[in-house]
């Protein structure tokens, strides 16, 4: 019986080098495939690290935002800030409030904890500008409460909620551009609201 088993295995011995070579090719292809995917992942991570953070949808978000801060600050200008910065952070980068800044206006109307968005404009008025322009009486659509917005002509509770959920705004015209309010409501409130 033993010699019969050997006779069955003898033909397989001929093909043993081919079988080993085939197994080697399969392992080599598997190794190259794994290496290819690792390289692509590393390239993707490098791209994310250099230009932004990759989101789950594959969209790359910038690691920085550019903010224009002007008015009564020590160093007005364009600032590049980390993506997770707040209004207070860019105010510090700009050297803080100038001596003639309207501090009451800032404490009432500017949300220092608001997260910065790319292209955002922040204006700090002087005390004189606030008095001359009556800015203190304008409702800031970026920080007003639902009750304050509801008091505006043509704005009810539903529209006030829509204004709040669509924040932040760069300009009051965003209300129209984003279809937050109708043109007729915008015409009624445009002189009573501001973005700061």
C-alpha atoms as a PDB file:
ATOM      1  CA  UNK A   1       0.000   0.000   0.000  1.00  0.00           C
ATOM      2  CA  UNK A   2       2.785   2.352   0.824  1.00  0.00           C
ATOM      3  CA  UNK A   3       4.396   2.069  -2.661  1.00  0.00           C
ATOM      4  CA  UNK A   4       0.995   2.832  -4.227  1.00  0.00           C
ATOM      5  CA  UNK A   5       0.755   6.092  -2.249  1.00  0.00           C
ATOM      6  CA  UNK A   6       4.223   7.041  -3.444  1.00  0.00           C
ATOM      7  CA  UNK A   7       3.214   6.393  -7.013  1.00  0.00           C
ATOM      8  CA  UNK A   8       0.256   8.774  -6.616  1.00  0.00           C
ATOM      9  CA  UNK A   9       2.498  11.499  -5.143  1.00  0.00           C
ATOM     10  CA  UNK A  10       5.221  11.087  -7.779  1.00  0.00           C
ATOM     11  CA  UNK A  11       3.368  13.041 -10.506  1.00  0.00           C
ATOM     12  CA  UNK A  12       2.668  15.800  -7.970  1.00  0.00           C
ATOM     13  CA  UNK A  13       6.401  16.135  -7.349  1.00  0.00           C
ATOM     14  CA  UNK A  14       6.768  17.274 -10.958  1.00  0.00           C
ATOM     15  CA  UNK A  15       4.318  20.099 -10.403  1.00  0.00           C
ATOM     16  CA  UNK A  16       5.571  21.055  -6.961  1.00  0.00           C
ATOM     17  CA  UNK A  17       7.836  23.860  -8.293  1.00  0.00           C
ATOM     18  CA  UNK A  18       4.925  25.251 -10.326  1.00  0.00           C
ATOM     19  CA  UNK A  19       2.616  25.117  -7.333  1.00  0.00           C
ATOM     20  CA  UNK A  20       5.228  26.857  -5.175  1.00  0.00           C
ATOM     21  CA  UNK A  21       5.814  29.493  -7.875  1.00  0.00           C
ATOM     22  CA  UNK A  22       2.050  30.082  -8.183  1.00  0.00           C
ATOM     23  CA  UNK A  23       1.732  30.483  -4.429  1.00  0.00           C
ATOM     24  CA  UNK A  24       4.654  32.924  -4.510  1.00  0.00           C
ATOM     25  CA  UNK A  25       3.004  34.995  -7.264  1.00  0.00           C
ATOM     26  CA  UNK A  26      -0.256  35.099  -5.297  1.00  0.00           C
ATOM     27  CA  UNK A  27       1.561  36.262  -2.153  1.00  0.00           C
ATOM     28  CA  UNK A  28       3.498  38.874  -4.139  1.00  0.00           C
ATOM     29  CA  UNK A  29       0.297  40.259  -5.732  1.00  0.00           C
ATOM     30  CA  UNK A  30      -1.370  40.354  -2.302  1.00  0.00           C
ATOM     31  CA  UNK A  31       1.638  42.209  -0.855  1.00  0.00           C
ATOM     32  CA  UNK A  32       1.664  44.739  -3.697  1.00  0.00           C
ATOM     33  CA  UNK A  33      -2.084  45.324  -3.310  1.00  0.00           C
ATOM     34  CA  UNK A  34      -1.755  45.941   0.424  1.00  0.00           C
ATOM     35  CA  UNK A  35       1.216  48.250  -0.190  1.00  0.00           C
ATOM     36  CA  UNK A  36      -0.757  50.165  -2.855  1.00  0.00           C
ATOM     37  CA  UNK A  37      -3.664  50.824  -0.497  1.00  0.00           C
ATOM     38  CA  UNK A  38      -1.320  51.825   2.353  1.00  0.00           C
ATOM     39  CA  UNK A  39       0.490  54.264   0.048  1.00  0.00           C
ATOM     40  CA  UNK A  40      -2.797  55.824  -1.095  1.00  0.00           C
ATOM     41  CA  UNK A  41      -3.956  56.152   2.499  1.00  0.00           C
ATOM     42  CA  UNK A  42      -0.667  57.809   3.493  1.00  0.00           C
ATOM     43  CA  UNK A  43      -0.911  60.198   0.516  1.00  0.00           C
ATOM     44  CA  UNK A  44      -4.486  61.037   1.479  1.00  0.00           C
ATOM     45  CA  UNK A  45      -3.443  61.660   5.094  1.00  0.00           C
ATOM     46  CA  UNK A  46      -0.514  63.817   3.951  1.00  0.00           C
ATOM     47  CA  UNK A  47      -2.900  65.839   1.758  1.00  0.00           C
ATOM     48  CA  UNK A  48      -5.268  66.231   4.698  1.00  0.00           C
ATOM     49  CA  UNK A  49      -2.437  67.313   7.007  1.00  0.00           C
ATOM     50  CA  UNK A  50      -1.099  69.900   4.569  1.00  0.00           C
ATOM     51  CA  UNK A  51      -4.358  71.421   3.320  1.00  0.00           C
ATOM     52  CA  UNK A  52      -7.015  70.604   5.849  1.00  0.00           C
ATOM     53  CA  UNK A  53      -8.905  67.929   7.679  1.00  0.00           C
ATOM     54  CA  UNK A  54     -10.656  65.228   5.643  1.00  0.00           C
ATOM     55  CA  UNK A  55     -14.244  64.713   6.687  1.00  0.00           C
ATOM     56  CA  UNK A  56     -16.184  61.459   6.510  1.00  0.00           C
ATOM     57  CA  UNK A  57     -17.701  62.566   3.194  1.00  0.00           C
ATOM     58  CA  UNK A  58     -14.234  62.974   1.697  1.00  0.00           C
ATOM     59  CA  UNK A  59     -14.498  66.762   1.654  1.00  0.00           C
ATOM     60  CA  UNK A  60     -11.400  68.577   2.858  1.00  0.00           C
ATOM     61  CA  UNK A  61     -12.047  71.357   5.329  1.00  0.00           C
ATOM     62  CA  UNK A  62      -9.508  74.123   5.760  1.00  0.00           C
ATOM     63  CA  UNK A  63      -7.468  74.139   8.949  1.00  0.00           C
ATOM     64  CA  UNK A  64      -7.574  77.944   8.988  1.00  0.00           C
ATOM     65  CA  UNK A  65     -10.088  80.702   8.314  1.00  0.00           C
ATOM     66  CA  UNK A  66      -9.461  84.286   7.225  1.00  0.00           C
ATOM     67  CA  UNK A  67     -11.141  87.024   9.226  1.00  0.00           C
ATOM     68  CA  UNK A  68     -11.346  90.767   8.542  1.00  0.00           C
ATOM     69  CA  UNK A  69     -11.441  92.718  11.798  1.00  0.00           C
ATOM     70  CA  UNK A  70     -11.636  96.494  11.634  1.00  0.00           C
ATOM     71  CA  UNK A  71     -12.712  99.564  13.513  1.00  0.00           C
ATOM     72  CA  UNK A  72     -11.637 100.364  17.051  1.00  0.00           C
ATOM     73  CA  UNK A  73      -9.023  97.628  17.558  1.00  0.00           C
ATOM     74  CA  UNK A  74      -5.291  98.135  18.046  1.00  0.00           C
ATOM     75  CA  UNK A  75      -4.229  96.287  14.866  1.00  0.00           C
ATOM     76  CA  UNK A  76      -7.103  96.091  12.356  1.00  0.00           C
ATOM     77  CA  UNK A  77      -6.558  93.857   9.363  1.00  0.00           C
ATOM     78  CA  UNK A  78      -6.918  90.422   7.817  1.00  0.00           C
ATOM     79  CA  UNK A  79      -6.068  87.542  10.152  1.00  0.00           C
ATOM     80  CA  UNK A  80      -5.607  83.845   9.442  1.00  0.00           C
ATOM     81  CA  UNK A  81      -6.895  81.904  12.430  1.00  0.00           C
ATOM     82  CA  UNK A  82      -7.207  78.195  13.324  1.00  0.00           C
ATOM     83  CA  UNK A  83     -10.512  76.721  12.146  1.00  0.00           C
ATOM     84  CA  UNK A  84     -11.881  76.242  15.684  1.00  0.00           C
ATOM     85  CA  UNK A  85     -11.188  79.836  16.829  1.00  0.00           C
ATOM     86  CA  UNK A  86     -13.710  82.186  18.409  1.00  0.00           C
ATOM     87  CA  UNK A  87     -14.353  85.925  17.998  1.00  0.00           C
ATOM     88  CA  UNK A  88     -12.406  86.546  21.215  1.00  0.00           C
ATOM     89  CA  UNK A  89      -9.326  84.841  19.699  1.00  0.00           C
ATOM     90  CA  UNK A  90      -9.170  87.149  16.668  1.00  0.00           C
ATOM     91  CA  UNK A  91      -9.820  90.142  18.910  1.00  0.00           C
ATOM     92  CA  UNK A  92      -6.748  89.161  20.968  1.00  0.00           C
ATOM     93  CA  UNK A  93      -4.710  88.687  17.751  1.00  0.00           C
ATOM     94  CA  UNK A  94      -5.739  92.204  16.718  1.00  0.00           C
ATOM     95  CA  UNK A  95      -4.254  93.599  19.932  1.00  0.00           C
ATOM     96  CA  UNK A  96      -7.557  94.020  21.747  1.00  0.00           C
ATOM     97  CA  UNK A  97      -9.935  96.965  21.814  1.00  0.00           C
ATOM     98  CA  UNK A  98      -8.621 100.449  21.119  1.00  0.00           C
ATOM     99  CA  UNK A  99      -8.972 103.096  23.827  1.00  0.00           C
ATOM    100  CA  UNK A 100     -11.897 104.745  21.995  1.00  0.00           C
ATOM    101  CA  UNK A 101     -13.826 101.491  21.362  1.00  0.00           C
ATOM    102  CA  UNK A 102     -17.448 101.420  22.446  1.00  0.00           C
ATOM    103  CA  UNK A 103     -17.097  98.765  25.151  1.00  0.00           C
ATOM    104  CA  UNK A 104     -20.784  98.860  26.039  1.00  0.00           C
ATOM    105  CA  UNK A 105     -21.650  98.090  22.418  1.00  0.00           C
ATOM    106  CA  UNK A 106     -19.131  95.213  22.371  1.00  0.00           C
ATOM    107  CA  UNK A 107     -20.493  93.690  25.589  1.00  0.00           C
ATOM    108  CA  UNK A 108     -24.108  93.945  24.377  1.00  0.00           C
ATOM    109  CA  UNK A 109     -23.758  93.141  20.694  1.00  0.00           C
ATOM    110  CA  UNK A 110     -20.670  91.043  19.982  1.00  0.00           C
ATOM    111  CA  UNK A 111     -20.659  87.396  20.985  1.00  0.00           C
ATOM    112  CA  UNK A 112     -17.029  86.733  21.921  1.00  0.00           C
ATOM    113  CA  UNK A 113     -17.732  82.995  22.055  1.00  0.00           C
ATOM    114  CA  UNK A 114     -19.040  82.825  18.464  1.00  0.00           C
ATOM    115  CA  UNK A 115     -17.079  80.403  16.270  1.00  0.00           C
ATOM    116  CA  UNK A 116     -15.287  82.100  13.384  1.00  0.00           C
ATOM    117  CA  UNK A 117     -16.257  81.337   9.793  1.00  0.00           C
ATOM    118  CA  UNK A 118     -14.076  81.910   6.751  1.00  0.00           C
ATOM    119  CA  UNK A 119     -14.538  85.381   5.265  1.00  0.00           C
ATOM    120  CA  UNK A 120     -16.168  86.760   8.402  1.00  0.00           C
ATOM    121  CA  UNK A 121     -16.131  90.547   8.943  1.00  0.00           C
ATOM    122  CA  UNK A 122     -15.991  91.966  12.474  1.00  0.00           C
ATOM    123  CA  UNK A 123     -16.382  95.698  13.017  1.00  0.00           C
ATOM    124  CA  UNK A 124     -15.808  97.359  16.389  1.00  0.00           C
ATOM    125  CA  UNK A 125     -17.254 100.884  16.451  1.00  0.00           C
ATOM    126  CA  UNK A 126     -15.828 103.790  18.397  1.00  0.00           C
ATOM    127  CA  UNK A 127     -18.023 105.476  20.992  1.00  0.00           C
ATOM    128  CA  UNK A 128     -18.533 108.378  18.594  1.00  0.00           C
ATOM    129  CA  UNK A 129     -19.547 106.081  15.711  1.00  0.00           C
ATOM    130  CA  UNK A 130     -22.070 104.295  17.909  1.00  0.00           C
ATOM    131  CA  UNK A 131     -23.681 107.587  18.904  1.00  0.00           C
ATOM    132  CA  UNK A 132     -23.687 109.007  15.360  1.00  0.00           C
ATOM    133  CA  UNK A 133     -24.977 105.844  13.682  1.00  0.00           C
ATOM    134  CA  UNK A 134     -27.264 104.818  16.508  1.00  0.00           C
ATOM    135  CA  UNK A 135     -25.837 101.277  16.270  1.00  0.00           C
ATOM    136  CA  UNK A 136     -26.953 100.556  19.789  1.00  0.00           C
ATOM    137  CA  UNK A 137     -30.572 100.502  18.625  1.00  0.00           C
ATOM    138  CA  UNK A 138     -29.996  98.071  15.749  1.00  0.00           C
ATOM    139  CA  UNK A 139     -30.710  94.390  16.320  1.00  0.00           C
ATOM    140  CA  UNK A 140     -27.749  92.139  15.631  1.00  0.00           C
ATOM    141  CA  UNK A 141     -29.133  89.198  13.654  1.00  0.00           C
ATOM    142  CA  UNK A 142     -26.119  87.113  14.731  1.00  0.00           C
ATOM    143  CA  UNK A 143     -26.864  87.368  18.448  1.00  0.00           C
ATOM    144  CA  UNK A 144     -30.462  88.581  18.927  1.00  0.00           C
ATOM    145  CA  UNK A 145     -32.886  86.447  20.894  1.00  0.00           C
ATOM    146  CA  UNK A 146     -36.057  85.023  19.364  1.00  0.00           C
ATOM    147  CA  UNK A 147     -38.080  87.634  21.272  1.00  0.00           C
ATOM    148  CA  UNK A 148     -35.996  90.518  19.884  1.00  0.00           C
ATOM    149  CA  UNK A 149     -36.345  89.209  16.329  1.00  0.00           C
ATOM    150  CA  UNK A 150     -40.059  88.543  16.788  1.00  0.00           C
ATOM    151  CA  UNK A 151     -40.522  92.232  17.645  1.00  0.00           C
ATOM    152  CA  UNK A 152     -39.326  93.248  14.156  1.00  0.00           C
ATOM    153  CA  UNK A 153     -42.050  94.173  11.642  1.00  0.00           C
ATOM    154  CA  UNK A 154     -43.168  91.183   9.566  1.00  0.00           C
ATOM    155  CA  UNK A 155     -41.149  88.689  11.644  1.00  0.00           C
ATOM    156  CA  UNK A 156     -43.096  86.122  13.629  1.00  0.00           C
ATOM    157  CA  UNK A 157     -41.922  83.234  15.826  1.00  0.00           C
ATOM    158  CA  UNK A 158     -41.321  80.910  12.843  1.00  0.00           C
ATOM    159  CA  UNK A 159     -39.220  83.472  10.952  1.00  0.00           C
ATOM    160  CA  UNK A 160     -37.316  84.387  14.122  1.00  0.00           C
ATOM    161  CA  UNK A 161     -36.419  80.709  14.566  1.00  0.00           C
ATOM    162  CA  UNK A 162     -35.362  80.483  10.921  1.00  0.00           C
ATOM    163  CA  UNK A 163     -33.098  83.541  11.327  1.00  0.00           C
ATOM    164  CA  UNK A 164     -31.467  81.980  14.403  1.00  0.00           C
ATOM    165  CA  UNK A 165     -30.901  78.560  12.821  1.00  0.00           C
ATOM    166  CA  UNK A 166     -29.331  80.099   9.692  1.00  0.00           C
ATOM    167  CA  UNK A 167     -26.577  81.925  11.614  1.00  0.00           C
ATOM    168  CA  UNK A 168     -23.914  83.206  11.273  1.00  0.00           C
ATOM    169  CA  UNK A 169     -24.386  86.013   8.766  1.00  0.00           C
ATOM    170  CA  UNK A 170     -21.650  88.049   7.119  1.00  0.00           C
ATOM    171  CA  UNK A 171     -24.072  90.744   5.984  1.00  0.00           C
ATOM    172  CA  UNK A 172     -27.777  91.496   6.403  1.00  0.00           C
ATOM    173  CA  UNK A 173     -28.211  90.723   2.698  1.00  0.00           C
ATOM    174  CA  UNK A 174     -27.563  87.060   3.619  1.00  0.00           C
ATOM    175  CA  UNK A 175     -31.177  87.041   4.840  1.00  0.00           C
ATOM    176  CA  UNK A 176     -32.286  87.403   1.209  1.00  0.00           C
ATOM    177  CA  UNK A 177     -29.451  85.455  -0.419  1.00  0.00           C
ATOM    178  CA  UNK A 178     -30.158  82.407   1.761  1.00  0.00           C
ATOM    179  CA  UNK A 179     -33.944  82.858   1.443  1.00  0.00           C
ATOM    180  CA  UNK A 180     -34.326  83.212   5.222  1.00  0.00           C
ATOM    181  CA  UNK A 181     -36.895  86.008   4.825  1.00  0.00           C
ATOM    182  CA  UNK A 182     -38.960  87.239   1.905  1.00  0.00           C
ATOM    183  CA  UNK A 183     -38.093  90.443   0.053  1.00  0.00           C
ATOM    184  CA  UNK A 184     -41.071  92.236   1.601  1.00  0.00           C
ATOM    185  CA  UNK A 185     -39.987  91.311   5.157  1.00  0.00           C
ATOM    186  CA  UNK A 186     -36.389  92.253   4.353  1.00  0.00           C
ATOM    187  CA  UNK A 187     -37.506  95.689   3.116  1.00  0.00           C
ATOM    188  CA  UNK A 188     -39.341  96.230   6.424  1.00  0.00           C
ATOM    189  CA  UNK A 189     -36.434  95.203   8.691  1.00  0.00           C
ATOM    190  CA  UNK A 190     -33.242  96.169   6.786  1.00  0.00           C
ATOM    191  CA  UNK A 191     -32.917  99.528   8.561  1.00  0.00           C
ATOM    192  CA  UNK A 192     -33.497  97.983  11.987  1.00  0.00           C
ATOM    193  CA  UNK A 193     -30.954  95.154  11.838  1.00  0.00           C
ATOM    194  CA  UNK A 194     -27.200  94.844  11.553  1.00  0.00           C
ATOM    195  CA  UNK A 195     -24.397  92.269  11.514  1.00  0.00           C
ATOM    196  CA  UNK A 196     -21.498  92.869  13.887  1.00  0.00           C
END
